[in-house]
Amino acid sequence: MARKREDLDACETALDVRFGDRDLLREALTHASAKADVSNERMEFLGDRVLGLVIAETLVQRYPGESEGRLAPRLNALVSRETCAQIAEGIGLGDHLVMARSEAQSGGRRKPALLANAMEAVIAAVYMDGGLHEARAFILSHWAHLLDAQESAPRDPKTALQEWAQARGQDLPAYEAVGRSGPDHAPLFTIRVTLDKGQSAEAVAPSKRAAEREAARLLLDTLGGDA
């Protein structure tokens, strides 16, 4: 399942980056299901931190007058797993992943959780290969359109739903885990959010936090609220 040279050439072209140590790229592209000597799980851990640092630094520089409370939702939106998966999908990163045949046949190359993991792993590989300067350039290149689109700080759906309920004298929204599916390395969580008067909504996402946010957004939509 090792990547051939031409495969790595194509991946580097898609990423718009050249690696001095291509073994780092190979590791970043290797999913745990491949049962290889290495997988991208440790790189995912590192890449998540590098992404957070670069985006946080960029936001502080872009919005010198904003408080931490307004910077936080900007950061959360830009480094979320949904955003990482969106960037990876746009690059076509899934086509370059090394994974078990069964994982690929079950749609693994398009699964948001796997794409998000791979995107974070690639960021780590760029960082380990070229340092923070190269990682920053890589991230800002691929996140530029999302950074530019943030004219106003996004509102967190959970916060918006909480404010909606409190403004009407209701208790805080209640979140309940009602299901979990998928393999251990790519779980899907189903979360239900319910208000005092019985209004509710359910959402499925690769993490409980993401499912809670999506459920809150869906419920706000039905209530006519603004997320």
C-alpha atoms as a PDB file:
ATOM      1  CA  MET A   1       0.000   0.000   0.000  1.00  0.00           C
ATOM      2  CA  ALA A   2       3.027   2.282  -0.092  1.00  0.00           C
ATOM      3  CA  ARG A   3       2.731   5.430  -2.127  1.00  0.00           C
ATOM      4  CA  LYS A   4       4.538   5.378  -5.448  1.00  0.00           C
ATOM      5  CA  ARG A   5       6.683   8.334  -6.461  1.00  0.00           C
ATOM      6  CA  GLU A   6       4.160   9.521  -9.054  1.00  0.00           C
ATOM      7  CA  ASP A   7       1.405   9.360  -6.426  1.00  0.00           C
ATOM      8  CA  LEU A   8       3.430  11.595  -4.124  1.00  0.00           C
ATOM      9  CA  ASP A   9       4.163  13.951  -7.027  1.00  0.00           C
ATOM     10  CA  ALA A  10       0.431  14.312  -7.633  1.00  0.00           C
ATOM     11  CA  CYS A  11      -0.272  14.865  -3.949  1.00  0.00           C
ATOM     12  CA  GLU A  12       2.403  17.532  -3.655  1.00  0.00           C
ATOM     13  CA  THR A  13       0.901  19.273  -6.671  1.00  0.00           C
ATOM     14  CA  ALA A  14      -2.563  19.192  -5.088  1.00  0.00           C
ATOM     15  CA  LEU A  15      -1.165  20.539  -1.817  1.00  0.00           C
ATOM     16  CA  ASP A  16       1.061  23.084  -3.596  1.00  0.00           C
ATOM     17  CA  VAL A  17       4.024  22.158  -1.434  1.00  0.00           C
ATOM     18  CA  ARG A  18       7.295  20.237  -1.926  1.00  0.00           C
ATOM     19  CA  PHE A  19       8.720  18.026   0.793  1.00  0.00           C
ATOM     20  CA  GLY A  20      12.389  17.562   1.524  1.00  0.00           C
ATOM     21  CA  ASP A  21      11.540  14.415   3.498  1.00  0.00           C
ATOM     22  CA  ARG A  22       8.779  12.593   1.677  1.00  0.00           C
ATOM     23  CA  ASP A  23       8.513   9.978   4.408  1.00  0.00           C
ATOM     24  CA  LEU A  24       6.692  12.643   6.420  1.00  0.00           C
ATOM     25  CA  LEU A  25       4.141  13.001   3.655  1.00  0.00           C
ATOM     26  CA  ARG A  26       3.767   9.226   3.378  1.00  0.00           C
ATOM     27  CA  GLU A  27       3.046   9.005   7.093  1.00  0.00           C
ATOM     28  CA  ALA A  28       0.533  11.852   6.939  1.00  0.00           C
ATOM     29  CA  LEU A  29      -1.359  10.051   4.160  1.00  0.00           C
ATOM     30  CA  THR A  30      -1.474   6.651   5.894  1.00  0.00           C
ATOM     31  CA  HIS A  31      -4.724   5.814   7.665  1.00  0.00           C
ATOM     32  CA  ALA A  32      -4.678   3.416  10.619  1.00  0.00           C
ATOM     33  CA  SER A  33      -6.745   0.872   8.696  1.00  0.00           C
ATOM     34  CA  ALA A  34      -3.785   0.268   6.362  1.00  0.00           C
ATOM     35  CA  LYS A  35      -2.051  -1.638   9.182  1.00  0.00           C
ATOM     36  CA  ALA A  36       1.279  -0.132   8.124  1.00  0.00           C
ATOM     37  CA  ASP A  37       4.315   0.477  10.321  1.00  0.00           C
ATOM     38  CA  VAL A  38       3.113   4.047  10.856  1.00  0.00           C
ATOM     39  CA  SER A  39      -0.182   5.908  10.620  1.00  0.00           C
ATOM     40  CA  ASN A  40      -1.154   9.553  10.663  1.00  0.00           C
ATOM     41  CA  GLU A  41      -2.708   9.542  14.148  1.00  0.00           C
ATOM     42  CA  ARG A  42       0.254  11.121  15.966  1.00  0.00           C
ATOM     43  CA  MET A  43       0.701  13.684  13.188  1.00  0.00           C
ATOM     44  CA  GLU A  44      -2.988  14.570  13.449  1.00  0.00           C
ATOM     45  CA  PHE A  45      -2.411  15.426  17.131  1.00  0.00           C
ATOM     46  CA  LEU A  46       0.472  17.759  16.270  1.00  0.00           C
ATOM     47  CA  GLY A  47      -1.163  19.315  13.233  1.00  0.00           C
ATOM     48  CA  ASP A  48      -4.233  20.311  15.227  1.00  0.00           C
ATOM     49  CA  ARG A  49      -2.005  22.365  17.555  1.00  0.00           C
ATOM     50  CA  VAL A  50      -0.030  23.952  14.736  1.00  0.00           C
ATOM     51  CA  LEU A  51      -3.239  24.937  12.947  1.00  0.00           C
ATOM     52  CA  GLY A  52      -4.654  26.466  16.124  1.00  0.00           C
ATOM     53  CA  LEU A  53      -1.490  28.484  16.747  1.00  0.00           C
ATOM     54  CA  VAL A  54      -1.286  29.863  13.209  1.00  0.00           C
ATOM     55  CA  ILE A  55      -4.965  30.787  12.995  1.00  0.00           C
ATOM     56  CA  ALA A  56      -4.997  32.322  16.488  1.00  0.00           C
ATOM     57  CA  GLU A  57      -1.912  34.389  15.660  1.00  0.00           C
ATOM     58  CA  THR A  58      -3.480  35.525  12.385  1.00  0.00           C
ATOM     59  CA  LEU A  59      -6.755  36.554  14.031  1.00  0.00           C
ATOM     60  CA  VAL A  60      -4.960  38.561  16.728  1.00  0.00           C
ATOM     61  CA  GLN A  61      -3.092  40.422  14.003  1.00  0.00           C
ATOM     62  CA  ARG A  62      -6.184  40.948  11.805  1.00  0.00           C
ATOM     63  CA  TYR A  63      -8.489  42.146  14.559  1.00  0.00           C
ATOM     64  CA  PRO A  64      -6.359  44.114  17.055  1.00  0.00           C
ATOM     65  CA  GLY A  65      -9.424  45.734  18.629  1.00  0.00           C
ATOM     66  CA  GLU A  66     -11.438  42.563  19.289  1.00  0.00           C
ATOM     67  CA  SER A  67     -11.747  40.921  22.688  1.00  0.00           C
ATOM     68  CA  GLU A  68     -10.997  37.284  23.406  1.00  0.00           C
ATOM     69  CA  GLY A  69     -14.728  36.653  23.532  1.00  0.00           C
ATOM     70  CA  ARG A  70     -15.113  37.744  19.907  1.00  0.00           C
ATOM     71  CA  LEU A  71     -11.914  36.118  18.676  1.00  0.00           C
ATOM     72  CA  ALA A  72     -12.837  32.719  20.119  1.00  0.00           C
ATOM     73  CA  PRO A  73     -15.800  31.960  17.818  1.00  0.00           C
ATOM     74  CA  ARG A  74     -13.739  33.027  14.819  1.00  0.00           C
ATOM     75  CA  LEU A  75     -11.003  30.608  15.853  1.00  0.00           C
ATOM     76  CA  ASN A  76     -13.422  27.783  16.598  1.00  0.00           C
ATOM     77  CA  ALA A  77     -15.040  28.087  13.175  1.00  0.00           C
ATOM     78  CA  LEU A  78     -11.731  28.145  11.304  1.00  0.00           C
ATOM     79  CA  VAL A  79     -10.060  25.213  13.067  1.00  0.00           C
ATOM     80  CA  SER A  80     -13.139  23.001  13.410  1.00  0.00           C
ATOM     81  CA  ARG A  81     -13.042  19.485  12.049  1.00  0.00           C
ATOM     82  CA  GLU A  82     -15.780  20.432   9.623  1.00  0.00           C
ATOM     83  CA  THR A  83     -13.560  23.156   8.195  1.00  0.00           C
ATOM     84  CA  CYS A  84     -10.538  20.859   8.006  1.00  0.00           C
ATOM     85  CA  ALA A  85     -12.633  18.299   6.133  1.00  0.00           C
ATOM     86  CA  GLN A  86     -13.916  21.016   3.802  1.00  0.00           C
ATOM     87  CA  ILE A  87     -10.360  22.126   2.964  1.00  0.00           C
ATOM     88  CA  ALA A  88      -9.247  18.522   2.448  1.00  0.00           C
ATOM     89  CA  GLU A  89     -12.212  17.854   0.158  1.00  0.00           C
ATOM     90  CA  GLY A  90     -11.372  20.909  -1.911  1.00  0.00           C
ATOM     91  CA  ILE A  91      -7.785  19.743  -2.320  1.00  0.00           C
ATOM     92  CA  GLY A  92      -8.867  16.212  -3.218  1.00  0.00           C
ATOM     93  CA  LEU A  93      -6.809  14.855  -0.357  1.00  0.00           C
ATOM     94  CA  GLY A  94      -8.950  11.747   0.022  1.00  0.00           C
ATOM     95  CA  ASP A  95      -7.758  10.458  -3.350  1.00  0.00           C
ATOM     96  CA  HIS A  96      -4.205  10.271  -2.018  1.00  0.00           C
ATOM     97  CA  LEU A  97      -4.838   8.478   1.278  1.00  0.00           C
ATOM     98  CA  VAL A  98      -3.488   5.002   1.968  1.00  0.00           C
ATOM     99  CA  MET A  99      -6.140   2.850   3.650  1.00  0.00           C
ATOM    100  CA  ALA A 100      -7.486  -0.662   3.759  1.00  0.00           C
ATOM    101  CA  ARG A 101      -9.541  -1.768   0.773  1.00  0.00           C
ATOM    102  CA  SER A 102     -12.565  -2.281   3.023  1.00  0.00           C
ATOM    103  CA  GLU A 103     -12.282   1.286   4.351  1.00  0.00           C
ATOM    104  CA  ALA A 104     -12.022   2.698   0.841  1.00  0.00           C
ATOM    105  CA  GLN A 105     -15.013   0.636  -0.337  1.00  0.00           C
ATOM    106  CA  SER A 106     -17.113   1.966   2.556  1.00  0.00           C
ATOM    107  CA  GLY A 107     -16.508   5.540   1.382  1.00  0.00           C
ATOM    108  CA  GLY A 108     -13.501   6.273   3.584  1.00  0.00           C
ATOM    109  CA  ARG A 109     -11.979   8.681   1.094  1.00  0.00           C
ATOM    110  CA  ARG A 110     -14.972  11.001   1.515  1.00  0.00           C
ATOM    111  CA  LYS A 111     -15.651  10.604   5.234  1.00  0.00           C
ATOM    112  CA  PRO A 112     -15.384  14.010   6.944  1.00  0.00           C
ATOM    113  CA  ALA A 113     -13.675  12.573  10.032  1.00  0.00           C
ATOM    114  CA  LEU A 114     -10.942  10.862   8.009  1.00  0.00           C
ATOM    115  CA  LEU A 115     -10.449  13.906   5.795  1.00  0.00           C
ATOM    116  CA  ALA A 116     -10.136  16.191   8.824  1.00  0.00           C
ATOM    117  CA  ASN A 117      -7.583  13.853  10.401  1.00  0.00           C
ATOM    118  CA  ALA A 118      -5.567  13.710   7.199  1.00  0.00           C
ATOM    119  CA  MET A 119      -5.629  17.491   6.785  1.00  0.00           C
ATOM    120  CA  GLU A 120      -4.257  17.990  10.284  1.00  0.00           C
ATOM    121  CA  ALA A 121      -1.628  15.307   9.660  1.00  0.00           C
ATOM    122  CA  VAL A 122      -0.491  17.024   6.467  1.00  0.00           C
ATOM    123  CA  ILE A 123      -0.125  20.300   8.373  1.00  0.00           C
ATOM    124  CA  ALA A 124       2.091  18.477  10.866  1.00  0.00           C
ATOM    125  CA  ALA A 125       4.158  17.012   8.031  1.00  0.00           C
ATOM    126  CA  VAL A 126       4.693  20.458   6.516  1.00  0.00           C
ATOM    127  CA  TYR A 127       5.673  21.793   9.944  1.00  0.00           C
ATOM    128  CA  MET A 128       8.107  18.950  10.639  1.00  0.00           C
ATOM    129  CA  ASP A 129       9.636  19.253   7.185  1.00  0.00           C
ATOM    130  CA  GLY A 130       9.988  23.021   6.883  1.00  0.00           C
ATOM    131  CA  GLY A 131       9.281  24.543  10.276  1.00  0.00           C
ATOM    132  CA  LEU A 132       6.665  27.014  11.434  1.00  0.00           C
ATOM    133  CA  HIS A 133       7.349  29.455   8.606  1.00  0.00           C
ATOM    134  CA  GLU A 134       6.414  26.860   5.965  1.00  0.00           C
ATOM    135  CA  ALA A 135       3.455  25.599   7.982  1.00  0.00           C
ATOM    136  CA  ARG A 136       2.123  29.132   8.339  1.00  0.00           C
ATOM    137  CA  ALA A 137       2.450  29.773   4.596  1.00  0.00           C
ATOM    138  CA  PHE A 138       0.698  26.483   3.812  1.00  0.00           C
ATOM    139  CA  ILE A 139      -2.194  27.114   6.203  1.00  0.00           C
ATOM    140  CA  LEU A 140      -2.751  30.723   5.180  1.00  0.00           C
ATOM    141  CA  SER A 141      -2.729  29.719   1.524  1.00  0.00           C
ATOM    142  CA  HIS A 142      -5.483  27.124   1.946  1.00  0.00           C
ATOM    143  CA  TRP A 143      -7.490  29.013   4.592  1.00  0.00           C
ATOM    144  CA  ALA A 144      -7.247  32.443   2.907  1.00  0.00           C
ATOM    145  CA  HIS A 145     -10.769  32.433   1.454  1.00  0.00           C
ATOM    146  CA  LEU A 146     -12.291  31.472   4.805  1.00  0.00           C
ATOM    147  CA  LEU A 147     -10.321  34.127   6.664  1.00  0.00           C
ATOM    148  CA  ASP A 148     -11.389  36.752   4.145  1.00  0.00           C
ATOM    149  CA  ALA A 149     -15.024  35.660   4.397  1.00  0.00           C
ATOM    150  CA  GLN A 150     -15.173  36.356   8.140  1.00  0.00           C
ATOM    151  CA  GLU A 151     -16.404  39.936   7.990  1.00  0.00           C
ATOM    152  CA  SER A 152     -18.121  39.570  11.353  1.00  0.00           C
ATOM    153  CA  ALA A 153     -17.443  37.170  14.184  1.00  0.00           C
ATOM    154  CA  PRO A 154     -19.596  34.041  13.765  1.00  0.00           C
ATOM    155  CA  ARG A 155     -22.015  33.246  16.558  1.00  0.00           C
ATOM    156  CA  ASP A 156     -21.732  29.834  18.136  1.00  0.00           C
ATOM    157  CA  PRO A 157     -25.090  28.048  17.626  1.00  0.00           C
ATOM    158  CA  LYS A 158     -25.086  26.680  21.188  1.00  0.00           C
ATOM    159  CA  THR A 159     -24.596  30.171  22.611  1.00  0.00           C
ATOM    160  CA  ALA A 160     -27.253  31.599  20.314  1.00  0.00           C
ATOM    161  CA  LEU A 161     -29.763  28.903  21.336  1.00  0.00           C
ATOM    162  CA  GLN A 162     -28.995  29.470  25.009  1.00  0.00           C
ATOM    163  CA  GLU A 163     -29.615  33.203  24.580  1.00  0.00           C
ATOM    164  CA  TRP A 164     -32.867  32.486  22.712  1.00  0.00           C
ATOM    165  CA  ALA A 165     -34.114  30.301  25.560  1.00  0.00           C
ATOM    166  CA  GLN A 166     -33.066  32.661  28.341  1.00  0.00           C
ATOM    167  CA  ALA A 167     -34.663  35.648  26.607  1.00  0.00           C
ATOM    168  CA  ARG A 168     -37.971  33.768  26.853  1.00  0.00           C
ATOM    169  CA  GLY A 169     -37.582  32.722  30.478  1.00  0.00           C
ATOM    170  CA  GLN A 170     -36.724  29.108  29.685  1.00  0.00           C
ATOM    171  CA  ASP A 171     -34.085  26.879  31.234  1.00  0.00           C
ATOM    172  CA  LEU A 172     -30.866  26.138  29.379  1.00  0.00           C
ATOM    173  CA  PRO A 173     -31.160  23.758  26.404  1.00  0.00           C
ATOM    174  CA  ALA A 174     -30.599  20.106  27.323  1.00  0.00           C
ATOM    175  CA  TYR A 175     -28.234  18.006  25.185  1.00  0.00           C
ATOM    176  CA  GLU A 176     -28.519  14.215  25.154  1.00  0.00           C
ATOM    177  CA  ALA A 177     -26.412  11.605  23.395  1.00  0.00           C
ATOM    178  CA  VAL A 178     -28.903   9.264  21.720  1.00  0.00           C
ATOM    179  CA  GLY A 179     -26.660   7.169  19.503  1.00  0.00           C
ATOM    180  CA  ARG A 180     -23.221   6.245  18.301  1.00  0.00           C
ATOM    181  CA  SER A 181     -22.270   4.383  15.143  1.00  0.00           C
ATOM    182  CA  GLY A 182     -19.270   3.646  12.961  1.00  0.00           C
ATOM    183  CA  PRO A 183     -15.889   2.102  13.807  1.00  0.00           C
ATOM    184  CA  ASP A 184     -13.773   3.262  16.748  1.00  0.00           C
ATOM    185  CA  HIS A 185     -11.393   5.208  14.500  1.00  0.00           C
ATOM    186  CA  ALA A 186     -14.241   7.096  12.778  1.00  0.00           C
ATOM    187  CA  PRO A 187     -17.247   7.261  15.112  1.00  0.00           C
ATOM    188  CA  LEU A 188     -20.449   9.185  14.447  1.00  0.00           C
ATOM    189  CA  PHE A 189     -22.404  10.661  17.350  1.00  0.00           C
ATOM    190  CA  THR A 190     -26.116  11.483  17.394  1.00  0.00           C
ATOM    191  CA  ILE A 191     -27.085  14.292  19.759  1.00  0.00           C
ATOM    192  CA  ARG A 192     -30.568  15.608  20.593  1.00  0.00           C
ATOM    193  CA  VAL A 193     -31.128  19.098  22.002  1.00  0.00           C
ATOM    194  CA  THR A 194     -34.426  19.868  23.743  1.00  0.00           C
ATOM    195  CA  LEU A 195     -36.013  23.030  25.134  1.00  0.00           C
ATOM    196  CA  ASP A 196     -38.459  23.420  28.017  1.00  0.00           C
ATOM    197  CA  LYS A 197     -41.510  23.447  25.778  1.00  0.00           C
ATOM    198  CA  GLY A 198     -40.505  20.286  23.970  1.00  0.00           C
ATOM    199  CA  GLN A 199     -38.948  21.706  20.810  1.00  0.00           C
ATOM    200  CA  SER A 200     -36.033  19.509  19.790  1.00  0.00           C
ATOM    201  CA  ALA A 201     -33.647  18.641  17.005  1.00  0.00           C
ATOM    202  CA  GLU A 202     -31.107  15.904  16.325  1.00  0.00           C
ATOM    203  CA  ALA A 203     -27.810  15.937  14.458  1.00  0.00           C
ATOM    204  CA  VAL A 204     -25.057  13.483  13.585  1.00  0.00           C
ATOM    205  CA  ALA A 205     -21.364  14.439  13.467  1.00  0.00           C
ATOM    206  CA  PRO A 206     -17.882  12.932  13.988  1.00  0.00           C
ATOM    207  CA  SER A 207     -17.654  14.431  17.500  1.00  0.00           C
ATOM    208  CA  LYS A 208     -20.135  15.111  20.286  1.00  0.00           C
ATOM    209  CA  ARG A 209     -19.246  18.791  20.267  1.00  0.00           C
ATOM    210  CA  ALA A 210     -19.846  19.120  16.538  1.00  0.00           C
ATOM    211  CA  ALA A 211     -23.135  17.222  16.810  1.00  0.00           C
ATOM    212  CA  GLU A 212     -24.283  19.511  19.634  1.00  0.00           C
ATOM    213  CA  ARG A 213     -23.488  22.606  17.575  1.00  0.00           C
ATOM    214  CA  GLU A 214     -25.298  21.242  14.512  1.00  0.00           C
ATOM    215  CA  ALA A 215     -28.325  20.209  16.568  1.00  0.00           C
ATOM    216  CA  ALA A 216     -28.471  23.706  18.077  1.00  0.00           C
ATOM    217  CA  ARG A 217     -28.230  25.247  14.609  1.00  0.00           C
ATOM    218  CA  LEU A 218     -31.035  23.043  13.282  1.00  0.00           C
ATOM    219  CA  LEU A 219     -33.289  23.877  16.211  1.00  0.00           C
ATOM    220  CA  LEU A 220     -32.615  27.600  15.803  1.00  0.00           C
ATOM    221  CA  ASP A 221     -33.598  27.287  12.143  1.00  0.00           C
ATOM    222  CA  THR A 222     -36.960  25.798  13.110  1.00  0.00           C
ATOM    223  CA  LEU A 223     -37.486  28.488  15.757  1.00  0.00           C
ATOM    224  CA  GLY A 224     -36.645  31.277  13.373  1.00  0.00           C
ATOM    225  CA  GLY A 225     -33.568  32.144  15.414  1.00  0.00           C
ATOM    226  CA  ASP A 226     -30.229  33.352  14.119  1.00  0.00           C
ATOM    227  CA  ALA A 227     -27.091  31.200  14.561  1.00  0.00           C
END
